[in-house]
Amino acid sequence: MEFKDRLKQIRKMRGYTQKELAKLCGTSERVIQNYELGERKPGFDAIISLCNALDISSDFLLGLQ
């Protein structure tokens, strides 16, 4: 499973819309859309924000677990 798929899966499991997740991460909905479409990869700070907002480990999000 790719990053984009894991992100979308966990976001939906947590019950967040892309807009809600974006707000929690301090970014735009379009950025989250780009991540989930695989058009863009997050940087270090964005990964930390996503993990904190979704309450998951970076290992899971990055496919290392």
N, C-alpha and C. Protein backbone atom coordinates (compact mmCIF):
# COMPACT_ATOMS: atom_id res chain seq x y z
N MET A 1 0.85 -1.18 0.00
CA MET A 1 0.00 0.00 0.00
C MET A 1 0.89 1.24 0.00
N GLU A 2 0.54 2.20 -0.79
CA GLU A 2 1.31 3.43 -0.92
C GLU A 2 0.91 4.45 0.14
N PHE A 3 1.77 5.46 0.31
CA PHE A 3 1.51 6.53 1.27
C PHE A 3 0.12 7.13 1.06
N LYS A 4 -0.20 7.45 -0.19
CA LYS A 4 -1.49 8.11 -0.48
C LYS A 4 -2.66 7.25 -0.02
N ASP A 5 -2.55 5.95 -0.17
CA ASP A 5 -3.63 5.05 0.23
C ASP A 5 -3.73 4.93 1.74
N ARG A 6 -2.57 4.86 2.42
CA ARG A 6 -2.57 4.79 3.88
C ARG A 6 -3.15 6.06 4.48
N LEU A 7 -2.77 7.21 3.93
CA LEU A 7 -3.28 8.48 4.43
C LEU A 7 -4.80 8.54 4.30
N LYS A 8 -5.30 8.22 3.14
CA LYS A 8 -6.75 8.26 2.91
C LYS A 8 -7.48 7.28 3.82
N GLN A 9 -6.93 6.09 3.96
CA GLN A 9 -7.55 5.07 4.79
C GLN A 9 -7.65 5.51 6.25
N ILE A 10 -6.56 5.98 6.80
CA ILE A 10 -6.58 6.38 8.21
C ILE A 10 -7.42 7.63 8.43
N ARG A 11 -7.40 8.55 7.47
CA ARG A 11 -8.25 9.75 7.58
C ARG A 11 -9.71 9.35 7.67
N LYS A 12 -10.12 8.44 6.81
CA LYS A 12 -11.52 7.99 6.81
C LYS A 12 -11.85 7.20 8.08
N MET A 13 -10.90 6.40 8.54
CA MET A 13 -11.11 5.64 9.78
C MET A 13 -11.31 6.57 10.97
N ARG A 14 -10.63 7.70 10.96
CA ARG A 14 -10.76 8.67 12.04
C ARG A 14 -11.99 9.56 11.87
N GLY A 15 -12.64 9.48 10.71
CA GLY A 15 -13.87 10.23 10.48
C GLY A 15 -13.66 11.67 10.06
N TYR A 16 -12.49 11.98 9.51
CA TYR A 16 -12.21 13.35 9.08
C TYR A 16 -12.44 13.51 7.58
N THR A 17 -12.92 14.68 7.21
CA THR A 17 -12.93 15.06 5.81
C THR A 17 -11.54 15.60 5.48
N GLN A 18 -11.26 15.78 4.22
CA GLN A 18 -9.98 16.37 3.83
C GLN A 18 -9.86 17.79 4.40
N LYS A 19 -10.95 18.50 4.40
CA LYS A 19 -10.96 19.87 4.91
C LYS A 19 -10.67 19.90 6.41
N GLU A 20 -11.27 18.98 7.16
CA GLU A 20 -11.04 18.92 8.60
C GLU A 20 -9.59 18.55 8.92
N LEU A 21 -9.06 17.58 8.18
CA LEU A 21 -7.67 17.19 8.40
C LEU A 21 -6.72 18.34 8.06
N ALA A 22 -7.02 19.03 6.99
CA ALA A 22 -6.19 20.17 6.60
C ALA A 22 -6.17 21.23 7.71
N LYS A 23 -7.31 21.50 8.28
CA LYS A 23 -7.38 22.49 9.36
C LYS A 23 -6.57 22.04 10.56
N LEU A 24 -6.66 20.76 10.92
CA LEU A 24 -5.89 20.24 12.05
C LEU A 24 -4.38 20.34 11.80
N CYS A 25 -4.00 20.22 10.54
CA CYS A 25 -2.57 20.25 10.17
C CYS A 25 -2.08 21.65 9.83
N GLY A 26 -2.98 22.61 9.77
CA GLY A 26 -2.57 23.97 9.44
C GLY A 26 -2.19 24.15 7.98
N THR A 27 -2.89 23.42 7.12
CA THR A 27 -2.61 23.51 5.69
C THR A 27 -3.93 23.65 4.94
N SER A 28 -3.90 23.56 3.63
CA SER A 28 -5.12 23.70 2.84
C SER A 28 -5.68 22.34 2.45
N GLU A 29 -6.94 22.34 2.16
CA GLU A 29 -7.60 21.12 1.70
C GLU A 29 -6.94 20.60 0.42
N ARG A 30 -6.53 21.51 -0.43
CA ARG A 30 -5.88 21.11 -1.70
C ARG A 30 -4.58 20.34 -1.45
N VAL A 31 -3.84 20.72 -0.44
CA VAL A 31 -2.61 20.00 -0.12
C VAL A 31 -2.93 18.56 0.27
N ILE A 32 -3.94 18.37 1.10
CA ILE A 32 -4.35 17.01 1.50
C ILE A 32 -4.83 16.24 0.27
N GLN A 33 -5.59 16.89 -0.60
CA GLN A 33 -6.03 16.24 -1.84
C GLN A 33 -4.83 15.79 -2.66
N ASN A 34 -3.84 16.64 -2.79
CA ASN A 34 -2.64 16.30 -3.56
C ASN A 34 -1.90 15.11 -2.95
N TYR A 35 -1.82 15.05 -1.63
CA TYR A 35 -1.20 13.90 -0.97
C TYR A 35 -1.96 12.62 -1.30
N GLU A 36 -3.28 12.69 -1.19
CA GLU A 36 -4.10 11.49 -1.40
C GLU A 36 -4.17 11.07 -2.86
N LEU A 37 -3.93 11.99 -3.75
CA LEU A 37 -3.90 11.66 -5.18
C LEU A 37 -2.51 11.20 -5.63
N GLY A 38 -1.54 11.37 -4.74
CA GLY A 38 -0.18 11.00 -5.08
C GLY A 38 0.53 12.02 -5.94
N GLU A 39 -0.03 13.22 -6.02
CA GLU A 39 0.56 14.29 -6.83
C GLU A 39 1.65 15.04 -6.08
N ARG A 40 1.69 14.85 -4.77
CA ARG A 40 2.64 15.56 -3.93
C ARG A 40 2.99 14.70 -2.73
N LYS A 41 4.22 14.80 -2.26
CA LYS A 41 4.67 14.08 -1.07
C LYS A 41 4.92 15.10 0.04
N PRO A 42 4.54 14.77 1.27
CA PRO A 42 4.74 15.73 2.36
C PRO A 42 6.19 15.79 2.81
N GLY A 43 6.58 16.94 3.29
CA GLY A 43 7.89 17.10 3.89
C GLY A 43 7.87 16.64 5.34
N PHE A 44 9.01 16.77 5.99
CA PHE A 44 9.17 16.32 7.37
C PHE A 44 8.15 16.95 8.31
N ASP A 45 8.00 18.27 8.26
CA ASP A 45 7.06 18.96 9.16
C ASP A 45 5.62 18.54 8.89
N ALA A 46 5.28 18.34 7.63
CA ALA A 46 3.93 17.92 7.28
C ALA A 46 3.64 16.51 7.78
N ILE A 47 4.62 15.64 7.71
CA ILE A 47 4.45 14.27 8.22
C ILE A 47 4.18 14.31 9.73
N ILE A 48 4.93 15.13 10.44
CA ILE A 48 4.70 15.27 11.88
C ILE A 48 3.29 15.77 12.16
N SER A 49 2.85 16.78 11.42
CA SER A 49 1.49 17.33 11.60
C SER A 49 0.43 16.27 11.32
N LEU A 50 0.61 15.52 10.24
CA LEU A 50 -0.35 14.47 9.90
C LEU A 50 -0.41 13.40 10.99
N CYS A 51 0.74 12.98 11.47
CA CYS A 51 0.79 11.95 12.51
C CYS A 51 0.14 12.43 13.80
N ASN A 52 0.40 13.66 14.17
CA ASN A 52 -0.22 14.22 15.38
C ASN A 52 -1.73 14.34 15.23
N ALA A 53 -2.17 14.82 14.09
CA ALA A 53 -3.61 15.00 13.86
C ALA A 53 -4.35 13.67 13.81
N LEU A 54 -3.71 12.67 13.23
CA LEU A 54 -4.36 11.37 13.07
C LEU A 54 -4.03 10.39 14.20
N ASP A 55 -3.18 10.81 15.11
CA ASP A 55 -2.76 9.98 16.24
C ASP A 55 -2.22 8.63 15.78
N ILE A 56 -1.24 8.70 14.87
CA ILE A 56 -0.59 7.49 14.35
C ILE A 56 0.92 7.70 14.35
N SER A 57 1.63 6.61 14.20
CA SER A 57 3.09 6.71 14.12
C SER A 57 3.52 7.03 12.69
N SER A 58 4.66 7.66 12.59
CA SER A 58 5.19 7.93 11.25
C SER A 58 5.55 6.63 10.54
N ASP A 59 5.95 5.61 11.30
CA ASP A 59 6.27 4.32 10.69
C ASP A 59 5.06 3.77 9.93
N PHE A 60 3.88 3.86 10.54
CA PHE A 60 2.67 3.36 9.86
C PHE A 60 2.39 4.21 8.61
N LEU A 61 2.42 5.51 8.77
CA LEU A 61 2.08 6.39 7.66
C LEU A 61 3.04 6.22 6.48
N LEU A 62 4.30 5.97 6.79
CA LEU A 62 5.31 5.83 5.74
C LEU A 62 5.45 4.40 5.24
N GLY A 63 4.69 3.47 5.81
CA GLY A 63 4.72 2.09 5.35
C GLY A 63 5.89 1.29 5.88
N LEU A 64 6.45 1.71 6.99
CA LEU A 64 7.58 0.99 7.57
C LEU A 64 7.13 -0.04 8.60
N GLN A 65 5.87 -0.08 8.88
CA GLN A 65 5.34 -0.97 9.90
C GLN A 65 4.34 -1.91 9.32
